[in-house]
Amino acid sequence: MTAPHDCALPITKEWFLEHKASPDQVVLFLKKWPQGMDVTRESLQTPGLDLKWFIQELVLPDSAQAEIDRANEMSLREYRLAWITAQVELDLAKAVAYVQFVRVMAVASAKYDRSIEAQTEYNQAVAAAYAENYRKMTPIQAEYERSMITVRIDVILHFTGDNR
């Protein structure tokens, strides 16, 4: 690949300022390359260097830009394929999890329905038992009340002295 032909090597602080580098890029440049930067593999791999901006600012020969465009296109295709594959895998995992959820919920719902049925049966049995108890106890209660009236009258008369 040929050297950039719009700037002198090494790249200087002035080049960064002329190409409107962001303040963080200028600070990085001044810390890392106070005497200027040679365009090398090592310098281009410097952490924090905005390589996308840097390449856009260099005026590269058409063949170099075409090579970058081809590489970008291939990388983008691979990225999209990987993304689609990951999405399909995610959707499949979600579908499997949902099927399992539906199965568990169906079992739980059936158990819940059976428990509601059991509760209803219990309530009906208790209501029937109360009704039967009331049916049996009503005449007994009435007899008890009648007998107590007689006893109360007898006790009152005995203690008041009227024994008629």
N, C-alpha and C. Protein backbone atom coordinates (compact mmCIF):
# COMPACT_ATOMS: atom_id res chain seq x y z
N MET A 1 0.84 -1.16 0.00
CA MET A 1 0.00 0.00 0.00
C MET A 1 0.89 1.23 0.00
N THR A 2 0.47 2.21 -0.72
CA THR A 2 1.29 3.42 -0.80
C THR A 2 0.97 4.35 0.35
N ALA A 3 1.90 5.28 0.60
CA ALA A 3 1.74 6.23 1.69
C ALA A 3 0.69 7.26 1.31
N PRO A 4 0.06 7.87 2.32
CA PRO A 4 -0.91 8.92 2.02
C PRO A 4 -0.23 10.04 1.27
N HIS A 5 -0.90 10.58 0.27
CA HIS A 5 -0.24 11.60 -0.52
C HIS A 5 -0.82 13.00 -0.31
N ASP A 6 -1.58 13.21 0.78
CA ASP A 6 -2.01 14.57 1.04
C ASP A 6 -1.30 15.16 2.24
N CYS A 7 -0.36 14.44 2.80
CA CYS A 7 0.34 14.96 3.97
C CYS A 7 1.77 14.45 3.97
N ALA A 8 2.58 15.21 4.62
CA ALA A 8 3.98 14.82 4.72
C ALA A 8 4.13 13.82 5.86
N LEU A 9 5.06 12.91 5.75
CA LEU A 9 5.34 11.97 6.83
C LEU A 9 6.49 12.53 7.65
N PRO A 10 6.50 12.43 8.91
CA PRO A 10 5.43 11.86 9.72
C PRO A 10 4.24 12.82 9.83
N ILE A 11 3.11 12.26 10.26
CA ILE A 11 1.91 13.08 10.46
C ILE A 11 2.15 13.92 11.72
N THR A 12 1.81 15.18 11.62
CA THR A 12 2.12 16.12 12.70
C THR A 12 0.85 16.56 13.42
N LYS A 13 1.08 17.31 14.51
CA LYS A 13 -0.01 17.91 15.26
C LYS A 13 -0.81 18.82 14.33
N GLU A 14 -0.12 19.55 13.49
CA GLU A 14 -0.80 20.46 12.57
C GLU A 14 -1.73 19.70 11.63
N TRP A 15 -1.30 18.52 11.17
CA TRP A 15 -2.16 17.71 10.29
C TRP A 15 -3.44 17.32 11.03
N PHE A 16 -3.29 16.89 12.29
CA PHE A 16 -4.46 16.53 13.09
C PHE A 16 -5.41 17.72 13.24
N LEU A 17 -4.85 18.90 13.53
CA LEU A 17 -5.68 20.09 13.70
C LEU A 17 -6.31 20.52 12.38
N GLU A 18 -5.56 20.46 11.30
CA GLU A 18 -6.06 20.84 9.98
C GLU A 18 -7.22 19.94 9.55
N HIS A 19 -7.15 18.69 9.94
CA HIS A 19 -8.21 17.74 9.56
C HIS A 19 -9.30 17.63 10.63
N LYS A 20 -9.33 18.63 11.52
CA LYS A 20 -10.39 18.77 12.52
C LYS A 20 -10.56 17.52 13.38
N ALA A 21 -9.45 17.03 13.90
CA ALA A 21 -9.50 15.89 14.81
C ALA A 21 -10.22 16.31 16.09
N SER A 22 -10.91 15.38 16.70
CA SER A 22 -11.60 15.69 17.95
C SER A 22 -10.56 15.95 19.04
N PRO A 23 -10.93 16.69 20.08
CA PRO A 23 -9.97 17.01 21.14
C PRO A 23 -9.30 15.77 21.75
N ASP A 24 -10.07 14.71 21.93
CA ASP A 24 -9.46 13.50 22.52
C ASP A 24 -8.43 12.89 21.57
N GLN A 25 -8.64 13.02 20.26
CA GLN A 25 -7.67 12.51 19.31
C GLN A 25 -6.39 13.36 19.33
N VAL A 26 -6.54 14.67 19.47
CA VAL A 26 -5.37 15.55 19.55
C VAL A 26 -4.57 15.25 20.81
N VAL A 27 -5.27 15.07 21.94
CA VAL A 27 -4.59 14.74 23.21
C VAL A 27 -3.84 13.41 23.06
N LEU A 28 -4.50 12.42 22.48
CA LEU A 28 -3.85 11.12 22.26
C LEU A 28 -2.61 11.30 21.39
N PHE A 29 -2.77 12.05 20.31
CA PHE A 29 -1.65 12.27 19.39
C PHE A 29 -0.47 12.92 20.13
N LEU A 30 -0.74 13.97 20.90
CA LEU A 30 0.34 14.68 21.59
C LEU A 30 1.02 13.82 22.65
N LYS A 31 0.24 12.95 23.31
CA LYS A 31 0.84 12.06 24.31
C LYS A 31 1.68 10.97 23.65
N LYS A 32 1.13 10.39 22.60
CA LYS A 32 1.77 9.22 21.98
C LYS A 32 2.87 9.60 20.99
N TRP A 33 2.65 10.66 20.22
CA TRP A 33 3.59 11.02 19.14
C TRP A 33 3.91 12.52 19.18
N PRO A 34 4.54 13.00 20.19
CA PRO A 34 4.81 14.45 20.27
C PRO A 34 5.69 14.95 19.11
N GLN A 35 6.50 14.07 18.54
CA GLN A 35 7.39 14.47 17.44
C GLN A 35 6.80 14.18 16.06
N GLY A 36 5.60 13.61 16.05
CA GLY A 36 4.97 13.25 14.78
C GLY A 36 4.79 11.74 14.70
N MET A 37 3.87 11.31 13.86
CA MET A 37 3.51 9.90 13.77
C MET A 37 3.85 9.36 12.40
N ASP A 38 4.59 8.26 12.37
CA ASP A 38 4.78 7.53 11.12
C ASP A 38 3.58 6.60 10.97
N VAL A 39 3.07 6.49 9.77
CA VAL A 39 1.94 5.60 9.52
C VAL A 39 2.47 4.18 9.40
N THR A 40 2.31 3.42 10.50
CA THR A 40 2.76 2.02 10.54
C THR A 40 1.61 1.17 11.09
N ARG A 41 1.74 -0.13 10.96
CA ARG A 41 0.74 -1.03 11.51
C ARG A 41 0.60 -0.78 13.02
N GLU A 42 1.75 -0.64 13.69
CA GLU A 42 1.74 -0.43 15.14
C GLU A 42 1.02 0.88 15.51
N SER A 43 1.35 1.98 14.80
CA SER A 43 0.72 3.26 15.15
C SER A 43 -0.78 3.23 14.85
N LEU A 44 -1.19 2.55 13.80
CA LEU A 44 -2.61 2.48 13.46
C LEU A 44 -3.40 1.60 14.42
N GLN A 45 -2.71 0.72 15.15
CA GLN A 45 -3.39 -0.14 16.11
C GLN A 45 -3.36 0.44 17.53
N THR A 46 -3.00 1.68 17.66
CA THR A 46 -2.95 2.33 18.97
C THR A 46 -4.34 2.42 19.57
N PRO A 47 -4.51 1.89 20.78
CA PRO A 47 -5.83 1.98 21.43
C PRO A 47 -6.27 3.44 21.55
N GLY A 48 -7.52 3.68 21.19
CA GLY A 48 -8.08 5.02 21.28
C GLY A 48 -8.01 5.81 19.99
N LEU A 49 -7.17 5.39 19.06
CA LEU A 49 -7.08 6.11 17.79
C LEU A 49 -8.35 5.83 16.99
N ASP A 50 -9.02 6.88 16.55
CA ASP A 50 -10.24 6.75 15.76
C ASP A 50 -9.83 6.42 14.33
N LEU A 51 -9.63 5.14 14.08
CA LEU A 51 -9.10 4.69 12.80
C LEU A 51 -10.05 5.01 11.64
N LYS A 52 -11.35 4.91 11.90
CA LYS A 52 -12.32 5.21 10.85
C LYS A 52 -12.19 6.67 10.41
N TRP A 53 -12.11 7.59 11.38
CA TRP A 53 -11.92 9.00 11.06
C TRP A 53 -10.58 9.21 10.36
N PHE A 54 -9.54 8.58 10.88
CA PHE A 54 -8.19 8.75 10.36
C PHE A 54 -8.13 8.36 8.88
N ILE A 55 -8.71 7.22 8.56
CA ILE A 55 -8.69 6.74 7.17
C ILE A 55 -9.49 7.67 6.27
N GLN A 56 -10.61 8.19 6.76
CA GLN A 56 -11.42 9.11 5.96
C GLN A 56 -10.66 10.39 5.66
N GLU A 57 -9.81 10.80 6.57
CA GLU A 57 -9.06 12.04 6.39
C GLU A 57 -7.86 11.88 5.48
N LEU A 58 -7.34 10.66 5.39
CA LEU A 58 -6.22 10.42 4.47
C LEU A 58 -6.77 10.36 3.06
N VAL A 59 -6.05 10.92 2.12
CA VAL A 59 -6.44 10.79 0.73
C VAL A 59 -5.65 9.61 0.19
N LEU A 60 -6.37 8.49 0.07
CA LEU A 60 -5.72 7.26 -0.38
C LEU A 60 -5.92 7.10 -1.88
N PRO A 61 -5.01 6.38 -2.51
CA PRO A 61 -5.23 6.07 -3.93
C PRO A 61 -6.53 5.29 -4.09
N ASP A 62 -7.15 5.40 -5.25
CA ASP A 62 -8.41 4.71 -5.50
C ASP A 62 -8.31 3.22 -5.21
N SER A 63 -7.19 2.62 -5.57
CA SER A 63 -7.04 1.17 -5.35
C SER A 63 -7.06 0.84 -3.86
N ALA A 64 -6.47 1.71 -3.03
CA ALA A 64 -6.47 1.47 -1.59
C ALA A 64 -7.89 1.61 -1.03
N GLN A 65 -8.60 2.65 -1.49
CA GLN A 65 -9.97 2.85 -1.02
C GLN A 65 -10.85 1.69 -1.48
N ALA A 66 -10.64 1.19 -2.70
CA ALA A 66 -11.41 0.05 -3.19
C ALA A 66 -11.14 -1.19 -2.34
N GLU A 67 -9.88 -1.36 -1.94
CA GLU A 67 -9.52 -2.50 -1.09
C GLU A 67 -10.21 -2.39 0.27
N ILE A 68 -10.22 -1.19 0.81
CA ILE A 68 -10.91 -0.98 2.10
C ILE A 68 -12.40 -1.24 1.94
N ASP A 69 -12.99 -0.75 0.84
CA ASP A 69 -14.42 -0.96 0.60
C ASP A 69 -14.76 -2.44 0.46
N ARG A 70 -13.90 -3.19 -0.26
CA ARG A 70 -14.14 -4.64 -0.42
C ARG A 70 -14.05 -5.34 0.92
N ALA A 71 -13.03 -5.01 1.70
CA ALA A 71 -12.87 -5.63 3.01
C ALA A 71 -14.05 -5.29 3.91
N ASN A 72 -14.48 -4.03 3.84
CA ASN A 72 -15.62 -3.61 4.64
C ASN A 72 -16.88 -4.37 4.23
N GLU A 73 -17.08 -4.52 2.93
CA GLU A 73 -18.24 -5.23 2.43
C GLU A 73 -18.23 -6.69 2.89
N MET A 74 -17.07 -7.34 2.79
CA MET A 74 -16.96 -8.73 3.24
C MET A 74 -17.21 -8.84 4.74
N SER A 75 -16.59 -7.94 5.49
CA SER A 75 -16.78 -7.96 6.94
C SER A 75 -18.23 -7.71 7.30
N LEU A 76 -18.85 -6.77 6.59
CA LEU A 76 -20.25 -6.47 6.85
C LEU A 76 -21.14 -7.66 6.53
N ARG A 77 -20.85 -8.38 5.43
CA ARG A 77 -21.61 -9.59 5.10
C ARG A 77 -21.45 -10.63 6.20
N GLU A 78 -20.21 -10.84 6.64
CA GLU A 78 -19.96 -11.82 7.71
C GLU A 78 -20.67 -11.41 8.99
N TYR A 79 -20.61 -10.13 9.30
CA TYR A 79 -21.29 -9.62 10.50
C TYR A 79 -22.79 -9.88 10.40
N ARG A 80 -23.38 -9.53 9.26
CA ARG A 80 -24.82 -9.72 9.09
C ARG A 80 -25.21 -11.19 9.18
N LEU A 81 -24.40 -12.06 8.59
CA LEU A 81 -24.67 -13.49 8.66
C LEU A 81 -24.58 -13.97 10.11
N ALA A 82 -23.55 -13.52 10.81
CA ALA A 82 -23.40 -13.91 12.22
C ALA A 82 -24.57 -13.37 13.04
N TRP A 83 -24.99 -12.13 12.75
CA TRP A 83 -26.10 -11.53 13.47
C TRP A 83 -27.39 -12.30 13.21
N ILE A 84 -27.64 -12.62 11.95
CA ILE A 84 -28.85 -13.37 11.60
C ILE A 84 -28.82 -14.75 12.26
N THR A 85 -27.67 -15.40 12.22
CA THR A 85 -27.54 -16.71 12.85
C THR A 85 -27.81 -16.61 14.35
N ALA A 86 -27.24 -15.59 14.98
CA ALA A 86 -27.46 -15.40 16.42
C ALA A 86 -28.93 -15.12 16.71
N GLN A 87 -29.59 -14.33 15.85
CA GLN A 87 -31.01 -14.04 16.04
C GLN A 87 -31.85 -15.31 15.90
N VAL A 88 -31.52 -16.13 14.90
CA VAL A 88 -32.25 -17.39 14.71
C VAL A 88 -32.06 -18.28 15.94
N GLU A 89 -30.82 -18.37 16.42
CA GLU A 89 -30.55 -19.18 17.61
C GLU A 89 -31.30 -18.63 18.82
N LEU A 90 -31.33 -17.30 18.95
CA LEU A 90 -32.08 -16.68 20.05
C LEU A 90 -33.55 -17.00 19.93
N ASP A 91 -34.11 -16.83 18.73
CA ASP A 91 -35.53 -17.12 18.52
C ASP A 91 -35.84 -18.58 18.82
N LEU A 92 -34.96 -19.47 18.40
CA LEU A 92 -35.16 -20.90 18.68
C LEU A 92 -35.12 -21.17 20.18
N ALA A 93 -34.15 -20.60 20.87
CA ALA A 93 -34.05 -20.79 22.32
C ALA A 93 -35.29 -20.25 23.02
N LYS A 94 -35.77 -19.08 22.56
CA LYS A 94 -36.98 -18.52 23.14
C LYS A 94 -38.19 -19.42 22.87
N ALA A 95 -38.27 -19.97 21.67
CA ALA A 95 -39.40 -20.84 21.33
C ALA A 95 -39.38 -22.11 22.17
N VAL A 96 -38.19 -22.70 22.33
CA VAL A 96 -38.08 -23.91 23.15
C VAL A 96 -38.47 -23.59 24.60
N ALA A 97 -37.98 -22.47 25.11
CA ALA A 97 -38.31 -22.07 26.47
C ALA A 97 -39.81 -21.82 26.61
N TYR A 98 -40.41 -21.21 25.58
CA TYR A 98 -41.84 -20.93 25.65
C TYR A 98 -42.66 -22.22 25.63
N VAL A 99 -42.25 -23.17 24.80
CA VAL A 99 -42.96 -24.46 24.76
C VAL A 99 -42.89 -25.13 26.14
N GLN A 100 -41.72 -25.11 26.75
CA GLN A 100 -41.57 -25.68 28.09
C GLN A 100 -42.44 -24.93 29.10
N PHE A 101 -42.47 -23.62 28.99
CA PHE A 101 -43.31 -22.80 29.86
C PHE A 101 -44.78 -23.18 29.70
N VAL A 102 -45.22 -23.32 28.45
CA VAL A 102 -46.62 -23.66 28.20
C VAL A 102 -46.94 -25.03 28.78
N ARG A 103 -46.02 -25.98 28.63
CA ARG A 103 -46.24 -27.32 29.21
C ARG A 103 -46.39 -27.24 30.72
N VAL A 104 -45.47 -26.54 31.36
CA VAL A 104 -45.51 -26.43 32.82
C VAL A 104 -46.78 -25.71 33.26
N MET A 105 -47.14 -24.66 32.54
CA MET A 105 -48.35 -23.92 32.88
C MET A 105 -49.60 -24.77 32.69
N ALA A 106 -49.60 -25.63 31.67
CA ALA A 106 -50.75 -26.50 31.44
C ALA A 106 -50.92 -27.47 32.60
N VAL A 107 -49.80 -28.03 33.05
CA VAL A 107 -49.85 -28.94 34.20
C VAL A 107 -50.31 -28.18 35.44
N ALA A 108 -49.72 -27.01 35.67
CA ALA A 108 -50.09 -26.21 36.84
C ALA A 108 -51.55 -25.78 36.76
N SER A 109 -52.00 -25.41 35.57
CA SER A 109 -53.39 -24.98 35.41
C SER A 109 -54.34 -26.15 35.68
N ALA A 110 -54.00 -27.34 35.19
CA ALA A 110 -54.83 -28.51 35.45
C ALA A 110 -54.88 -28.81 36.95
N LYS A 111 -53.73 -28.71 37.61
CA LYS A 111 -53.71 -28.94 39.07
C LYS A 111 -54.55 -27.88 39.78
N TYR A 112 -54.43 -26.65 39.32
CA TYR A 112 -55.22 -25.57 39.92
C TYR A 112 -56.70 -25.84 39.72
N ASP A 113 -57.08 -26.23 38.50
CA ASP A 113 -58.48 -26.54 38.22
C ASP A 113 -58.98 -27.66 39.13
N ARG A 114 -58.13 -28.70 39.31
CA ARG A 114 -58.53 -29.80 40.19
C ARG A 114 -58.66 -29.31 41.63
N SER A 115 -57.79 -28.40 42.04
CA SER A 115 -57.88 -27.90 43.42
C SER A 115 -59.14 -27.06 43.59
N ILE A 116 -59.52 -26.32 42.55
CA ILE A 116 -60.77 -25.55 42.62
C ILE A 116 -61.96 -26.50 42.69
N GLU A 117 -61.90 -27.56 41.90
CA GLU A 117 -62.97 -28.56 41.95
C GLU A 117 -63.05 -29.19 43.33
N ALA A 118 -61.89 -29.51 43.89
CA ALA A 118 -61.86 -30.10 45.23
C ALA A 118 -62.41 -29.11 46.26
N GLN A 119 -62.05 -27.85 46.13
CA GLN A 119 -62.56 -26.83 47.05
C GLN A 119 -64.08 -26.71 46.92
N THR A 120 -64.57 -26.75 45.69
CA THR A 120 -66.02 -26.67 45.45
C THR A 120 -66.72 -27.88 46.08
N GLU A 121 -66.16 -29.06 45.87
CA GLU A 121 -66.73 -30.28 46.47
C GLU A 121 -66.74 -30.19 47.99
N TYR A 122 -65.64 -29.69 48.56
CA TYR A 122 -65.56 -29.52 50.01
C TYR A 122 -66.64 -28.56 50.48
N ASN A 123 -66.74 -27.41 49.80
CA ASN A 123 -67.74 -26.41 50.20
C ASN A 123 -69.17 -26.98 50.12
N GLN A 124 -69.44 -27.76 49.08
CA GLN A 124 -70.76 -28.37 48.94
C GLN A 124 -71.02 -29.39 50.05
N ALA A 125 -69.99 -30.19 50.37
CA ALA A 125 -70.13 -31.19 51.43
C ALA A 125 -70.35 -30.51 52.79
N VAL A 126 -69.61 -29.44 53.05
CA VAL A 126 -69.78 -28.72 54.32
C VAL A 126 -71.17 -28.09 54.37
N ALA A 127 -71.60 -27.49 53.26
CA ALA A 127 -72.93 -26.87 53.23
C ALA A 127 -74.02 -27.92 53.46
N ALA A 128 -73.86 -29.08 52.86
CA ALA A 128 -74.84 -30.17 53.06
C ALA A 128 -74.83 -30.63 54.52
N ALA A 129 -73.64 -30.72 55.11
CA ALA A 129 -73.54 -31.14 56.50
C ALA A 129 -74.21 -30.12 57.42
N TYR A 130 -73.99 -28.83 57.15
CA TYR A 130 -74.65 -27.79 57.94
C TYR A 130 -76.18 -27.87 57.78
N ALA A 131 -76.63 -28.07 56.57
CA ALA A 131 -78.07 -28.17 56.31
C ALA A 131 -78.67 -29.36 57.05
N GLU A 132 -77.98 -30.47 57.00
CA GLU A 132 -78.46 -31.68 57.71
C GLU A 132 -78.45 -31.44 59.22
N ASN A 133 -77.40 -30.79 59.68
CA ASN A 133 -77.31 -30.48 61.11
C ASN A 133 -78.45 -29.55 61.52
N TYR A 134 -78.73 -28.54 60.71
CA TYR A 134 -79.81 -27.61 61.00
C TYR A 134 -81.16 -28.34 60.99
N ARG A 135 -81.32 -29.23 60.00
CA ARG A 135 -82.59 -29.99 59.90
C ARG A 135 -82.79 -30.83 61.16
N LYS A 136 -81.73 -31.45 61.65
CA LYS A 136 -81.85 -32.30 62.83
C LYS A 136 -81.97 -31.47 64.11
N MET A 137 -81.24 -30.38 64.18
CA MET A 137 -81.18 -29.62 65.41
C MET A 137 -82.39 -28.71 65.63
N THR A 138 -83.08 -28.33 64.56
CA THR A 138 -84.20 -27.40 64.71
C THR A 138 -85.28 -27.96 65.66
N PRO A 139 -85.75 -29.19 65.49
CA PRO A 139 -86.76 -29.68 66.43
C PRO A 139 -86.18 -29.89 67.85
N ILE A 140 -84.91 -30.30 67.90
CA ILE A 140 -84.28 -30.50 69.21
C ILE A 140 -84.17 -29.16 69.93
N GLN A 141 -83.77 -28.13 69.18
CA GLN A 141 -83.66 -26.78 69.76
C GLN A 141 -85.03 -26.31 70.24
N ALA A 142 -86.03 -26.54 69.42
CA ALA A 142 -87.39 -26.12 69.79
C ALA A 142 -87.85 -26.83 71.05
N GLU A 143 -87.60 -28.12 71.14
CA GLU A 143 -87.97 -28.90 72.34
C GLU A 143 -87.23 -28.40 73.56
N TYR A 144 -85.96 -28.10 73.38
CA TYR A 144 -85.14 -27.57 74.47
C TYR A 144 -85.72 -26.25 74.95
N GLU A 145 -86.05 -25.34 74.01
CA GLU A 145 -86.60 -24.03 74.38
C GLU A 145 -87.92 -24.20 75.14
N ARG A 146 -88.78 -25.13 74.68
CA ARG A 146 -90.06 -25.35 75.36
C ARG A 146 -89.84 -25.87 76.78
N SER A 147 -88.90 -26.83 76.90
CA SER A 147 -88.65 -27.40 78.23
C SER A 147 -88.03 -26.37 79.16
N MET A 148 -87.23 -25.50 78.65
CA MET A 148 -86.60 -24.47 79.49
C MET A 148 -87.63 -23.44 79.95
N ILE A 149 -88.60 -23.17 79.11
CA ILE A 149 -89.66 -22.25 79.52
C ILE A 149 -90.38 -22.82 80.74
N THR A 150 -90.68 -24.09 80.66
CA THR A 150 -91.36 -24.75 81.78
C THR A 150 -90.48 -24.72 83.02
N VAL A 151 -89.21 -25.03 82.87
CA VAL A 151 -88.29 -25.04 84.02
C VAL A 151 -88.20 -23.62 84.59
N ARG A 152 -88.08 -22.62 83.78
CA ARG A 152 -87.95 -21.24 84.26
C ARG A 152 -89.21 -20.82 85.03
N ILE A 153 -90.33 -21.16 84.46
CA ILE A 153 -91.59 -20.82 85.13
C ILE A 153 -91.65 -21.50 86.49
N ASP A 154 -91.30 -22.79 86.52
CA ASP A 154 -91.33 -23.55 87.79
C ASP A 154 -90.37 -22.93 88.80
N VAL A 155 -89.18 -22.54 88.36
CA VAL A 155 -88.18 -21.97 89.27
C VAL A 155 -88.68 -20.61 89.80
N ILE A 156 -89.20 -19.80 88.91
CA ILE A 156 -89.71 -18.47 89.34
C ILE A 156 -90.84 -18.65 90.33
N LEU A 157 -91.76 -19.52 90.05
CA LEU A 157 -92.88 -19.74 90.95
C LEU A 157 -92.42 -20.33 92.27
N HIS A 158 -91.48 -21.21 92.24
CA HIS A 158 -90.99 -21.82 93.50
C HIS A 158 -90.36 -20.76 94.41
N PHE A 159 -89.60 -19.84 93.81
CA PHE A 159 -88.90 -18.85 94.64
C PHE A 159 -89.79 -17.64 94.97
N THR A 160 -90.83 -17.43 94.25
CA THR A 160 -91.73 -16.31 94.59
C THR A 160 -92.84 -16.77 95.49
N GLY A 161 -92.98 -18.04 95.71
CA GLY A 161 -93.96 -18.57 96.64
C GLY A 161 -95.29 -18.86 96.02
N ASP A 162 -95.46 -18.63 94.76
CA ASP A 162 -96.76 -18.91 94.13
C ASP A 162 -96.66 -20.29 93.50
N ASN A 163 -97.34 -21.27 94.05
CA ASN A 163 -97.24 -22.65 93.56
C ASN A 163 -98.53 -23.11 92.91
N ARG A 164 -99.24 -22.28 92.33
CA ARG A 164 -100.51 -22.67 91.73
C ARG A 164 -100.33 -23.55 90.60
